[in-house]
N, C-alpha and C. Protein backbone atom coordinates (compact mmCIF):
# COMPACT_ATOMS: atom_id res chain seq x y z
N MET A 1 0.99 35.56 -51.17
CA MET A 1 0.40 36.93 -50.69
C MET A 1 -0.47 37.34 -51.42
N ARG A 2 -1.76 37.57 -51.05
CA ARG A 2 -3.18 38.28 -51.80
C ARG A 2 -2.81 39.80 -52.11
N GLN A 3 -2.89 40.12 -52.95
CA GLN A 3 -2.65 41.38 -53.48
C GLN A 3 -4.01 42.27 -53.04
N LYS A 4 -3.61 43.65 -52.35
CA LYS A 4 -4.71 44.58 -52.17
C LYS A 4 -5.80 45.09 -53.26
N ASN A 5 -6.99 44.45 -52.71
CA ASN A 5 -7.68 45.37 -53.99
C ASN A 5 -8.42 46.98 -53.55
N TRP A 6 -7.48 47.58 -54.45
CA TRP A 6 -7.29 49.36 -54.02
C TRP A 6 -9.11 49.69 -54.08
N ARG A 7 -9.51 49.24 -55.23
CA ARG A 7 -11.03 49.89 -55.46
C ARG A 7 -11.90 49.76 -54.19
N LEU A 8 -11.54 48.57 -53.68
CA LEU A 8 -12.51 48.43 -52.00
C LEU A 8 -11.85 49.25 -51.03
N ILE A 9 -10.48 49.37 -51.45
CA ILE A 9 -10.18 50.15 -50.05
C ILE A 9 -10.29 51.74 -50.39
N ILE A 10 -10.59 51.77 -51.16
CA ILE A 10 -10.97 53.26 -51.55
C ILE A 10 -12.28 53.56 -51.18
N SER A 11 -13.23 52.42 -51.87
CA SER A 11 -14.68 52.75 -51.71
C SER A 11 -15.05 52.97 -50.15
N GLY A 12 -14.70 51.89 -49.41
CA GLY A 12 -14.75 51.66 -47.89
C GLY A 12 -15.10 53.14 -47.31
N PRO A 13 -13.95 53.79 -47.37
CA PRO A 13 -13.99 55.04 -46.32
C PRO A 13 -14.88 55.99 -46.99
N ILE A 14 -15.37 55.72 -48.51
CA ILE A 14 -16.23 56.91 -48.99
C ILE A 14 -17.74 56.75 -48.65
N PHE A 15 -17.95 55.52 -48.33
CA PHE A 15 -19.26 55.00 -47.93
C PHE A 15 -19.44 55.08 -46.58
N MET A 16 -18.44 55.09 -45.69
CA MET A 16 -18.36 55.64 -44.29
C MET A 16 -18.41 57.01 -43.99
N LEU A 17 -17.86 57.65 -44.98
CA LEU A 17 -17.79 59.23 -44.91
C LEU A 17 -19.35 59.56 -45.40
N GLY A 18 -20.01 58.71 -46.36
CA GLY A 18 -21.36 59.39 -46.61
C GLY A 18 -22.42 58.90 -45.76
N ALA A 19 -22.22 58.09 -44.95
CA ALA A 19 -23.00 57.68 -44.23
C ALA A 19 -22.75 58.67 -42.75
N VAL A 20 -21.86 59.35 -42.66
CA VAL A 20 -21.76 60.35 -41.49
C VAL A 20 -22.27 61.36 -42.17
N ALA A 21 -21.97 61.68 -43.47
CA ALA A 21 -22.81 63.16 -44.11
C ALA A 21 -24.44 63.10 -43.90
N PHE A 22 -24.92 61.51 -44.52
CA PHE A 22 -25.90 61.46 -44.40
C PHE A 22 -27.12 61.59 -42.89
N PHE A 23 -25.89 61.39 -41.97
CA PHE A 23 -26.75 61.09 -40.68
C PHE A 23 -26.97 62.93 -40.10
N TRP A 24 -25.76 63.79 -40.58
CA TRP A 24 -25.83 64.88 -40.07
C TRP A 24 -26.72 65.51 -40.71
N LEU A 25 -26.93 65.45 -42.24
CA LEU A 25 -27.73 66.37 -42.78
C LEU A 25 -29.30 66.02 -42.77
N MET A 26 -29.77 64.75 -42.35
CA MET A 26 -30.93 64.25 -42.04
C MET A 26 -31.32 64.81 -40.51
N ALA A 27 -30.05 64.84 -39.63
CA ALA A 27 -30.37 65.90 -38.10
C ALA A 27 -30.69 66.78 -38.28
N GLY A 28 -30.23 67.55 -39.53
CA GLY A 28 -30.57 69.00 -39.81
C GLY A 28 -31.84 69.16 -39.93
N GLN A 29 -32.52 68.19 -40.83
CA GLN A 29 -34.21 68.10 -41.01
C GLN A 29 -34.97 67.62 -40.18
N MET A 30 -34.61 67.19 -38.94
CA MET A 30 -35.16 66.81 -37.83
C MET A 30 -36.28 67.63 -37.18
N PRO A 31 -35.61 68.97 -36.93
CA PRO A 31 -36.81 69.61 -36.33
C PRO A 31 -38.03 70.18 -37.21
N GLN A 32 -37.85 69.98 -38.47
CA GLN A 32 -39.34 70.23 -39.34
C GLN A 32 -40.29 68.70 -39.31
N SER A 33 -39.27 67.53 -38.78
CA SER A 33 -40.43 66.59 -38.72
C SER A 33 -41.40 66.46 -37.86
N THR A 34 -42.35 65.61 -38.07
CA THR A 34 -43.90 65.30 -37.23
C THR A 34 -43.47 64.16 -36.08
N ASP A 35 -42.35 63.64 -36.62
CA ASP A 35 -41.81 62.60 -35.65
C ASP A 35 -40.51 62.54 -35.48
N PRO A 36 -39.70 63.32 -34.42
CA PRO A 36 -38.52 63.43 -34.69
C PRO A 36 -37.62 62.35 -34.18
N SER A 37 -38.18 61.69 -33.17
CA SER A 37 -37.54 60.59 -32.73
C SER A 37 -37.73 59.46 -33.79
N GLY A 38 -38.62 58.74 -34.12
CA GLY A 38 -39.04 57.97 -35.25
C GLY A 38 -38.07 58.23 -36.53
N MET A 39 -38.10 59.74 -36.78
CA MET A 39 -37.24 59.96 -38.15
C MET A 39 -35.55 59.63 -37.75
N MET A 40 -35.18 59.78 -36.66
CA MET A 40 -33.70 59.59 -36.14
C MET A 40 -33.21 58.26 -36.03
N ARG A 41 -34.51 57.63 -35.71
CA ARG A 41 -34.25 55.95 -35.38
C ARG A 41 -34.01 55.28 -37.09
N ASP A 42 -34.81 56.09 -37.68
CA ASP A 42 -34.55 55.34 -38.91
C ASP A 42 -33.24 55.98 -39.80
N VAL A 43 -33.09 56.89 -39.36
CA VAL A 43 -31.81 57.71 -40.15
C VAL A 43 -30.62 56.87 -39.62
N GLY A 44 -30.85 56.57 -38.18
CA GLY A 44 -29.58 55.71 -37.71
C GLY A 44 -29.42 54.27 -38.11
N GLU A 45 -30.50 53.76 -38.30
CA GLU A 45 -30.63 52.50 -39.01
C GLU A 45 -29.74 52.34 -40.35
N VAL A 46 -30.38 53.36 -41.17
CA VAL A 46 -29.62 53.63 -42.39
C VAL A 46 -28.28 53.79 -42.38
N SER A 47 -27.93 54.89 -42.04
CA SER A 47 -26.71 55.16 -41.91
C SER A 47 -25.81 54.05 -41.18
N GLY A 48 -26.16 53.51 -40.14
CA GLY A 48 -25.41 52.69 -39.54
C GLY A 48 -24.93 51.13 -40.26
N LEU A 49 -26.00 50.96 -41.34
CA LEU A 49 -25.87 49.98 -42.33
C LEU A 49 -24.98 50.36 -43.41
N ILE A 50 -25.19 51.53 -43.94
CA ILE A 50 -24.38 52.11 -44.75
C ILE A 50 -23.02 52.38 -44.42
N GLY A 51 -22.59 52.62 -43.40
CA GLY A 51 -21.35 52.67 -42.56
C GLY A 51 -20.83 51.26 -42.50
N THR A 52 -21.71 50.13 -41.94
CA THR A 52 -21.24 48.45 -41.58
C THR A 52 -20.55 48.21 -43.36
N ILE A 53 -21.15 48.64 -44.44
CA ILE A 53 -20.96 48.10 -45.75
C ILE A 53 -19.82 48.48 -45.93
N GLY A 54 -19.54 49.97 -45.49
CA GLY A 54 -18.17 50.67 -45.80
C GLY A 54 -17.08 49.91 -45.36
N LEU A 55 -17.09 49.60 -44.11
CA LEU A 55 -16.17 48.63 -42.91
C LEU A 55 -16.10 47.28 -43.64
N ALA A 56 -17.23 46.90 -44.21
CA ALA A 56 -16.77 45.48 -44.85
C ALA A 56 -16.04 45.56 -45.97
N LEU A 57 -15.93 46.78 -46.84
CA LEU A 57 -15.61 46.94 -48.05
C LEU A 57 -14.11 47.29 -47.81
N LEU A 58 -13.71 47.91 -47.11
CA LEU A 58 -12.62 48.45 -46.14
C LEU A 58 -11.72 46.81 -45.94
N VAL A 59 -12.10 46.29 -44.95
CA VAL A 59 -11.58 44.77 -44.56
C VAL A 59 -11.60 43.84 -45.77
N ALA A 60 -12.71 43.59 -46.36
CA ALA A 60 -12.49 42.91 -47.90
C ALA A 60 -11.08 43.26 -48.94
N GLY A 61 -10.82 45.04 -48.95
CA GLY A 61 -9.96 45.17 -49.52
C GLY A 61 -8.75 45.03 -49.28
N LEU A 62 -8.40 45.47 -47.85
CA LEU A 62 -7.16 45.20 -47.41
C LEU A 62 -6.79 43.43 -47.53
N LEU A 63 -7.88 42.92 -47.21
CA LEU A 63 -7.55 41.30 -47.09
C LEU A 63 -7.13 40.68 -48.56
N GLY A 64 -7.26 41.57 -49.54
CA GLY A 64 -7.30 41.22 -50.91
C GLY A 64 -8.73 40.30 -51.59
N TRP A 65 -9.41 40.37 -51.06
CA TRP A 65 -10.57 39.62 -51.77
C TRP A 65 -11.15 40.20 -53.33
N GLN A 66 -11.07 39.51 -54.09
CA GLN A 66 -11.14 39.53 -55.44
C GLN A 66 -12.63 39.29 -56.14
N GLY A 67 -13.66 39.16 -55.06
CA GLY A 67 -14.93 39.19 -55.47
C GLY A 67 -15.41 37.28 -56.46
N LEU A 68 -16.11 37.76 -57.06
CA LEU A 68 -16.67 36.40 -58.03
C LEU A 68 -15.51 36.28 -59.19
N SER A 69 -14.85 37.29 -59.23
CA SER A 69 -13.76 37.15 -60.24
C SER A 69 -12.56 35.68 -60.51
N LYS A 70 -12.74 34.92 -61.49
CA LYS A 70 -11.92 33.69 -61.61
C LYS A 70 -10.39 34.05 -62.36
N LYS A 71 -9.71 34.78 -61.68
CA LYS A 71 -8.40 35.04 -62.49
C LYS A 71 -7.36 33.47 -62.28
N HIS A 72 -6.72 33.64 -63.12
CA HIS A 72 -5.93 31.97 -63.24
C HIS A 72 -4.49 32.92 -63.19
């Protein structure tokens, strides 16, 4: 059985929380923008990408993925 990779398990939720924090922080800046809908579209794409990376890290950590390291 593979051993869980705790670095990835901890990093995943940190990335996801960072994505949510970035989205809400930038939503507060929206009224000052000259193109609010375009800005929020871009912010949504970036925060969605960061959140997805966090989810992938979490799943990889739970599955025990060790990356490219060659442990014998």
